Amino acid sequence: MAAARREAAREPNAPADAAAGPAADLDALGDQLGAEVGATIGPPGAEPLRAGSLQSGPAWSTIKVPIALAVAAQDGGLGPTERGLVSAAITRSDNAAAAELFGQLGALGPATAKVTEVLRSAGDQQTQVSTQGRDGFSTYGQTEWSLTEQQRFMGALLNGCIGEPSSREFILEQMRSVTVDRWGLGSAGVPALWKGGWGPGADGRYLVRQMGAIEVDGTEYAVTLAAIPGDGQFATGQSVATEIARWLVARAPGVSAAAGDC
């Protein structure tokens, strides 16, 4: 994605420019759609606009990107076999491929620590990769990952702050080539890259979420989004995610274009 990036005009931890207006109207959209919703948007590395009441939840398959980076950081990096697994895990959200990648990191404890270290290297000092699964779902997929920290991770990835260059670019290219979840950022109507995650909560209602980047008027924005539809159905969540993605595109011109750094 060719993107215009400019020097940061404020401290990375300064309050987001966009005030309550745009942030509040995402909840109004959620009310209209009958869903809990949340999103973040900002240039990579800059303090983002946060909107909506839904600001955290299980990572589900979005955690596959940090897993891929953890494998890439090992001796040997991403060889042909690993690249095939990463491609499957990201473009098709293949759970078996992700499990094989995670298994290459060692036993549960060390593997979990290596994925957590990827998050730490991105500046996330809060998220702890889970060692506890639920109802047959993977341990790592149950990681509680806030949209704010996921935004921080995407900013670091897009700015080249984490990962070895060739592996990082390969992973980003897979995020540009997603085939399985073309809703949400995949239906925003602008150039985008992303990784989605979805699954039922303990109450059976689906959470759908994505992290990635969009390009609007030549400027790249790191973004996250999440939704829990009122009817709890995955298909409804997909539709809500698409409306959030379009909301992000419409709001992007009002967000500061000053990117941060590492």
Protein backbone atom coordinates (compact mmCIF):
# COMPACT_ATOMS: atom_id res chain seq x y z
CA MET A 1 0.00 0.00 0.00
CA ALA A 2 1.59 3.28 -1.08
CA ALA A 3 0.90 5.72 1.72
CA ALA A 4 1.75 9.29 2.58
CA ARG A 5 3.25 9.55 6.04
CA ARG A 6 4.36 12.74 7.74
CA GLU A 7 6.28 13.49 10.91
CA ALA A 8 4.35 13.31 14.15
CA ALA A 9 3.03 16.69 15.21
CA ARG A 10 2.40 15.70 18.83
CA GLU A 11 3.64 13.38 21.51
CA PRO A 12 2.62 9.74 20.93
CA ASN A 13 0.60 9.63 24.16
CA ALA A 14 -1.20 12.93 23.65
CA PRO A 15 -5.02 12.87 23.54
CA ALA A 16 -6.55 12.05 20.17
CA ASP A 17 -7.54 15.08 18.09
CA ALA A 18 -10.99 13.94 17.19
CA ALA A 19 -13.31 14.77 19.98
CA ALA A 20 -16.47 13.32 21.24
CA GLY A 21 -18.51 13.98 18.10
CA PRO A 22 -17.14 11.31 15.71
CA ALA A 23 -16.42 8.96 18.62
CA ALA A 24 -19.95 9.17 19.92
CA ASP A 25 -21.66 8.74 16.58
CA LEU A 26 -20.24 5.24 16.14
CA ASP A 27 -22.37 4.17 19.11
CA ALA A 28 -25.31 5.86 17.39
CA LEU A 29 -24.57 3.71 14.33
CA GLY A 30 -24.40 0.68 16.61
CA ASP A 31 -27.81 1.55 18.07
CA GLN A 32 -29.18 1.85 14.55
CA LEU A 33 -27.74 -1.57 13.66
CA GLY A 34 -28.71 -3.16 16.97
CA ALA A 35 -25.11 -4.05 17.89
CA GLU A 36 -22.32 -3.30 20.32
CA VAL A 37 -19.55 -1.70 18.29
CA GLY A 38 -16.06 -0.29 18.64
CA ALA A 39 -13.24 0.99 16.45
CA THR A 40 -9.95 2.86 16.39
CA ILE A 41 -8.30 4.82 13.59
CA GLY A 42 -5.10 6.80 13.29
CA PRO A 43 -1.90 7.07 11.27
CA PRO A 44 0.59 4.30 12.17
CA GLY A 45 2.30 5.04 15.46
CA ALA A 46 0.11 8.04 16.35
CA GLU A 47 -2.51 8.27 19.07
CA PRO A 48 -5.75 7.08 17.46
CA LEU A 49 -9.34 8.13 17.62
CA ARG A 50 -11.21 5.58 19.73
CA ALA A 51 -14.92 5.18 19.19
CA GLY A 52 -17.72 2.96 20.42
CA SER A 53 -18.37 1.16 23.68
CA LEU A 54 -16.94 -2.22 22.60
CA GLN A 55 -13.21 -1.81 23.17
CA SER A 56 -11.92 -5.29 24.01
CA GLY A 57 -12.58 -8.99 23.61
CA PRO A 58 -10.96 -12.31 22.71
CA ALA A 59 -8.41 -11.99 19.91
CA TRP A 60 -9.68 -15.03 18.05
CA SER A 61 -7.82 -15.35 14.73
CA THR A 62 -6.28 -11.87 14.79
CA ILE A 63 -3.60 -13.37 17.07
CA LYS A 64 -2.34 -15.39 14.10
CA VAL A 65 -0.34 -12.36 12.93
CA PRO A 66 1.77 -12.15 16.13
CA ILE A 67 2.20 -15.93 15.99
CA ALA A 68 3.59 -15.61 12.46
CA LEU A 69 6.01 -12.90 13.63
CA ALA A 70 7.13 -15.07 16.55
CA VAL A 71 7.94 -17.94 14.18
CA ALA A 72 9.77 -15.51 11.86
CA ALA A 73 11.93 -14.40 14.81
CA GLN A 74 13.28 -17.92 15.38
CA ASP A 75 16.50 -19.19 13.87
CA GLY A 76 15.90 -19.81 10.20
CA GLY A 77 13.03 -17.33 9.96
CA LEU A 78 10.27 -18.13 7.50
CA GLY A 79 11.37 -20.91 5.20
CA PRO A 80 9.17 -22.24 2.38
CA THR A 81 7.16 -24.49 4.71
CA GLU A 82 6.60 -21.70 7.22
CA ARG A 83 5.62 -19.26 4.48
CA GLY A 84 3.00 -21.70 3.25
CA LEU A 85 1.61 -22.05 6.76
CA VAL A 86 1.60 -18.29 7.33
CA SER A 87 -0.17 -17.72 4.04
CA ALA A 88 -2.85 -20.26 4.92
CA ALA A 89 -3.24 -18.91 8.47
CA ILE A 90 -3.69 -15.31 7.32
CA THR A 91 -5.36 -15.43 3.90
CA ARG A 92 -7.71 -18.34 4.73
CA SER A 93 -7.60 -18.09 8.53
CA ASP A 94 -6.65 -21.78 8.54
CA ASN A 95 -6.72 -22.96 12.17
CA ALA A 96 -4.65 -26.07 11.53
CA ALA A 97 -1.91 -23.99 9.91
CA ALA A 98 -1.91 -21.59 12.86
CA ALA A 99 -1.71 -24.49 15.31
CA GLU A 100 1.27 -25.91 13.43
CA LEU A 101 3.02 -22.53 13.53
CA PHE A 102 2.33 -22.19 17.25
CA GLY A 103 3.66 -25.71 17.79
CA GLN A 104 6.95 -24.69 16.17
CA LEU A 105 7.44 -22.26 19.06
CA GLY A 106 7.72 -25.09 21.60
CA ALA A 107 5.57 -26.27 24.49
CA LEU A 108 2.59 -24.21 25.59
CA GLY A 109 4.43 -22.05 28.14
CA PRO A 110 7.44 -21.09 26.01
CA ALA A 111 5.31 -20.68 22.88
CA THR A 112 2.90 -18.38 24.70
CA ALA A 113 5.81 -16.35 26.06
CA LYS A 114 7.28 -15.90 22.56
CA VAL A 115 4.01 -14.57 21.16
CA THR A 116 3.61 -12.29 24.17
CA GLU A 117 7.14 -10.98 23.54
CA VAL A 118 6.10 -9.98 20.01
CA LEU A 119 3.37 -7.83 21.56
CA ARG A 120 5.85 -6.35 24.03
CA SER A 121 8.20 -5.45 21.18
CA ALA A 122 5.32 -3.51 19.62
CA GLY A 123 4.93 -1.48 22.82
CA ASP A 124 2.01 -3.44 24.28
CA GLN A 125 2.75 -3.83 27.99
CA GLN A 126 -0.78 -4.94 28.88
CA THR A 127 -1.82 -7.95 26.81
CA GLN A 128 -0.91 -11.42 28.05
CA VAL A 129 -1.35 -14.22 25.53
CA SER A 130 -3.72 -16.78 27.04
CA THR A 131 -2.74 -20.29 28.09
CA GLN A 132 -6.38 -21.26 28.65
CA GLY A 133 -8.66 -22.44 25.87
CA ARG A 134 -12.45 -22.69 26.01
CA ASP A 135 -14.88 -25.20 24.55
CA GLY A 136 -12.23 -26.65 22.25
CA PHE A 137 -11.01 -23.28 20.99
CA SER A 138 -7.28 -22.53 20.95
CA THR A 139 -5.57 -21.06 23.99
CA TYR A 140 -4.04 -18.15 22.06
CA GLY A 141 -7.34 -17.28 20.40
CA GLN A 142 -8.85 -16.58 23.83
CA THR A 143 -6.29 -13.84 24.51
CA GLU A 144 -8.04 -10.68 25.72
CA TRP A 145 -6.76 -8.02 23.30
CA SER A 146 -8.07 -4.47 23.47
CA LEU A 147 -8.62 -2.41 20.34
CA THR A 148 -6.18 0.19 21.69
CA GLU A 149 -3.35 -2.33 22.04
CA GLN A 150 -4.24 -3.95 18.75
CA GLN A 151 -4.03 -0.49 17.14
CA ARG A 152 -0.58 -0.07 18.73
CA PHE A 153 0.49 -3.43 17.28
CA MET A 154 -0.70 -2.54 13.79
CA GLY A 155 1.08 0.82 13.95
CA ALA A 156 4.34 -0.88 14.90
CA LEU A 157 3.94 -3.46 12.14
CA LEU A 158 3.14 -0.86 9.47
CA ASN A 159 5.98 1.41 10.58
CA GLY A 160 8.54 -1.41 10.39
CA CYS A 161 9.19 -1.31 14.14
CA ILE A 162 8.81 -5.06 14.66
CA GLY A 163 9.94 -8.11 12.75
CA GLU A 164 12.72 -8.73 10.28
CA PRO A 165 12.06 -6.78 7.03
CA SER A 166 11.54 -9.60 4.53
CA SER A 167 9.33 -11.64 6.86
CA ARG A 168 7.38 -8.55 7.90
CA GLU A 169 6.71 -7.58 4.29
CA PHE A 170 5.66 -11.14 3.48
CA ILE A 171 3.17 -11.10 6.37
CA LEU A 172 1.78 -7.71 5.31
CA GLU A 173 1.42 -8.99 1.75
CA GLN A 174 -0.66 -11.91 3.04
CA MET A 175 -2.87 -9.39 4.85
CA ARG A 176 -3.41 -7.70 1.48
CA SER A 177 -4.45 -11.06 -0.01
CA VAL A 178 -7.13 -12.25 2.43
CA THR A 179 -9.78 -14.43 0.83
CA VAL A 180 -11.87 -15.72 3.73
CA ASP A 181 -13.27 -12.54 5.33
CA ARG A 182 -14.01 -10.09 2.56
CA TRP A 183 -16.56 -8.31 4.74
CA GLY A 184 -15.56 -5.39 6.98
CA LEU A 185 -12.31 -3.85 5.76
CA GLY A 186 -12.54 -6.08 2.70
CA SER A 187 -15.72 -4.27 1.68
CA ALA A 188 -14.75 -0.73 2.68
CA GLY A 189 -14.25 0.43 -0.90
CA VAL A 190 -10.63 1.57 -0.45
CA PRO A 191 -7.23 -0.17 -0.58
CA ALA A 192 -6.89 -2.19 2.60
CA LEU A 193 -5.03 -4.96 4.37
CA TRP A 194 -6.37 -6.83 7.38
CA LYS A 195 -6.72 -9.93 9.51
CA GLY A 196 -10.05 -10.88 11.00
CA GLY A 197 -11.12 -12.95 13.95
CA TRP A 198 -14.50 -14.23 15.04
CA GLY A 199 -16.10 -16.66 17.42
CA PRO A 200 -18.90 -17.19 19.95
CA GLY A 201 -18.66 -15.94 23.50
CA ALA A 202 -19.69 -18.03 26.50
CA ASP A 203 -23.22 -16.72 25.88
CA GLY A 204 -23.14 -17.99 22.29
CA ARG A 205 -23.16 -14.52 20.72
CA TYR A 206 -20.52 -13.93 18.06
CA LEU A 207 -17.80 -11.32 18.31
CA VAL A 208 -16.35 -10.29 14.95
CA ARG A 209 -13.23 -8.13 14.76
CA GLN A 210 -10.55 -7.02 12.34
CA MET A 211 -7.25 -5.17 12.53
CA GLY A 212 -5.43 -3.69 9.57
CA ALA A 213 -4.96 -0.57 7.51
CA ILE A 214 -6.91 1.47 4.99
CA GLU A 215 -5.69 4.04 2.49
CA VAL A 216 -7.85 7.13 2.08
CA ASP A 217 -6.84 9.99 -0.23
CA GLY A 218 -3.27 8.70 -0.33
CA THR A 219 -2.84 8.49 3.45
CA GLU A 220 -2.52 5.23 5.36
CA TYR A 221 -4.43 4.72 8.60
CA ALA A 222 -4.07 1.85 11.05
CA VAL A 223 -7.51 0.66 12.11
CA THR A 224 -9.31 -1.86 14.28
CA LEU A 225 -13.00 -2.68 14.55
CA ALA A 226 -15.21 -4.98 16.58
CA ALA A 227 -18.90 -5.84 16.79
CA ILE A 228 -21.28 -8.07 18.70
CA PRO A 229 -24.63 -8.09 16.88
CA GLY A 230 -27.81 -8.04 18.89
CA ASP A 231 -28.99 -11.33 17.43
CA GLY A 232 -25.58 -12.92 18.12
CA GLN A 233 -25.28 -14.31 14.60
CA PHE A 234 -22.01 -14.38 12.67
CA ALA A 235 -23.64 -13.28 9.41
CA THR A 236 -25.14 -10.23 11.11
CA GLY A 237 -21.76 -9.45 12.67
CA GLN A 238 -20.19 -9.49 9.21
CA SER A 239 -22.71 -6.93 7.96
CA VAL A 240 -22.17 -4.71 11.01
CA ALA A 241 -18.38 -4.92 10.54
CA THR A 242 -18.79 -3.71 6.97
CA GLU A 243 -20.79 -0.71 8.14
CA ILE A 244 -18.10 0.10 10.73
CA ALA A 245 -15.42 -0.15 8.04
CA ARG A 246 -17.31 2.31 5.85
CA TRP A 247 -17.72 4.58 8.88
CA LEU A 248 -13.94 4.51 9.33
CA VAL A 249 -13.36 5.45 5.69
CA ALA A 250 -15.80 8.37 6.01
CA ARG A 251 -14.15 9.61 9.21
CA ALA A 252 -10.53 9.24 8.05
CA PRO A 253 -10.27 12.72 6.46
CA GLY A 254 -11.12 14.26 9.85
CA VAL A 255 -8.34 12.38 11.68
CA SER A 256 -4.86 13.86 11.91
CA ALA A 257 -2.60 12.48 9.16
CA ALA A 258 0.58 12.98 11.22
CA ALA A 259 2.16 9.55 11.67
CA GLY A 260 4.21 8.52 14.67
CA ASP A 261 7.34 6.43 14.74
CA CYS A 262 8.91 3.60 16.73
